[in-house]
Amino acid sequence: MEEKQKPDNKFKAGAVTATVWANEMRDKQGKIFFVYSVAFERSYKDRDGNWKSTNSLRLNDIPKLRLVAQEAYEYLVRKGSDDNGNNI
């Protein structure tokens, strides 16, 4: 049974979340490095009271999106890695 990948970090403001994922890669020499991506979503309750999530945001979610996006960016900059696994 394959183990489910866990996020590298999460940032939340109200119902809006930025999830940072670390994807392990290998270069041509076999050296391991990580490429990071960030996924954004908004949580909400449906008519039956069950929690759901969506990538569609409302007007009032945009300031929260900006906040979690900035936190994710600062986190990745502090980690010192760009999109190609290079130190920045």
Protein backbone atom coordinates (compact mmCIF):
# COMPACT_ATOMS: atom_id res chain seq x y z
CA MET A 1 0.00 0.00 0.00
CA GLU A 2 1.42 3.38 -1.06
CA GLU A 3 1.72 6.06 1.61
CA LYS A 4 -0.27 9.22 0.91
CA GLN A 5 1.89 12.29 0.37
CA LYS A 6 1.58 14.90 3.10
CA PRO A 7 1.82 18.64 2.45
CA ASP A 8 5.06 20.43 3.26
CA ASN A 9 3.09 23.22 4.96
CA LYS A 10 -0.34 24.89 5.07
CA PHE A 11 -1.38 28.49 5.57
CA LYS A 12 -4.96 29.42 6.43
CA ALA A 13 -6.97 32.64 6.63
CA GLY A 14 -10.62 32.03 7.38
CA ALA A 15 -11.91 29.50 4.86
CA VAL A 16 -9.03 30.03 2.40
CA THR A 17 -6.01 27.72 2.50
CA ALA A 18 -2.68 27.65 0.68
CA THR A 19 -1.11 24.18 0.71
CA VAL A 20 2.59 23.83 -0.13
CA TRP A 21 3.61 20.55 -1.79
CA ALA A 22 7.20 19.30 -2.12
CA ASN A 23 7.80 17.07 -5.13
CA GLU A 24 11.00 15.02 -5.05
CA MET A 25 13.00 15.08 -8.29
CA ARG A 26 16.40 13.79 -9.46
CA ASP A 27 18.81 15.61 -11.72
CA LYS A 28 20.87 13.92 -14.45
CA GLN A 29 23.57 13.05 -11.91
CA GLY A 30 21.03 11.41 -9.60
CA LYS A 31 21.08 14.19 -7.01
CA ILE A 32 17.72 14.61 -5.25
CA PHE A 33 16.09 18.03 -5.12
CA PHE A 34 12.58 19.32 -4.48
CA VAL A 35 10.24 21.32 -6.67
CA TYR A 36 7.53 23.13 -4.74
CA SER A 37 3.97 23.96 -5.77
CA VAL A 38 1.16 25.76 -3.98
CA ALA A 39 -2.54 24.86 -4.21
CA PHE A 40 -5.30 27.23 -3.10
CA GLU A 41 -8.79 26.31 -1.97
CA ARG A 42 -11.80 27.58 -0.05
CA SER A 43 -13.73 25.41 2.39
CA TYR A 44 -17.49 25.65 2.81
CA LYS A 45 -20.45 23.69 4.15
CA ASP A 46 -23.00 22.33 1.69
CA ARG A 47 -26.77 22.36 2.25
CA ASP A 48 -26.51 19.16 4.31
CA GLY A 49 -23.83 20.62 6.58
CA ASN A 50 -20.96 18.58 5.07
CA TRP A 51 -17.59 20.26 4.57
CA LYS A 52 -16.54 20.66 0.93
CA SER A 53 -13.77 22.53 -0.84
CA THR A 54 -13.48 24.46 -4.08
CA ASN A 55 -10.90 26.39 -6.07
CA SER A 56 -13.52 29.03 -6.87
CA LEU A 57 -13.24 32.11 -4.68
CA ARG A 58 -15.69 34.87 -3.82
CA LEU A 59 -14.95 38.59 -3.73
CA ASN A 60 -14.40 38.59 0.05
CA ASP A 61 -11.98 35.66 -0.27
CA ILE A 62 -9.49 37.62 -2.37
CA PRO A 63 -7.83 39.48 0.57
CA LYS A 64 -7.47 36.13 2.36
CA LEU A 65 -5.98 34.61 -0.79
CA ARG A 66 -3.44 37.43 -0.94
CA LEU A 67 -2.48 36.80 2.68
CA VAL A 68 -2.00 33.02 2.37
CA ALA A 69 -0.21 33.44 -0.98
CA GLN A 70 2.23 35.90 0.63
CA GLU A 71 2.80 33.54 3.57
CA ALA A 72 3.46 30.62 1.21
CA TYR A 73 5.84 32.76 -0.86
CA GLU A 74 7.79 33.91 2.20
CA TYR A 75 7.98 30.33 3.48
CA LEU A 76 9.42 29.09 0.17
CA VAL A 77 11.88 31.98 -0.07
CA ARG A 78 13.12 31.19 3.46
CA LYS A 79 13.56 27.56 2.39
CA GLY A 80 15.80 28.95 -0.34
CA SER A 81 14.54 27.06 -3.37
CA ASP A 82 13.16 28.19 -6.73
CA ASP A 83 11.01 26.27 -9.20
CA ASN A 84 14.02 24.30 -10.46
CA GLY A 85 15.35 23.27 -7.05
CA ASN A 86 18.08 25.92 -7.17
CA ASN A 87 18.99 27.95 -4.13
CA ILE A 88 17.87 31.56 -4.31
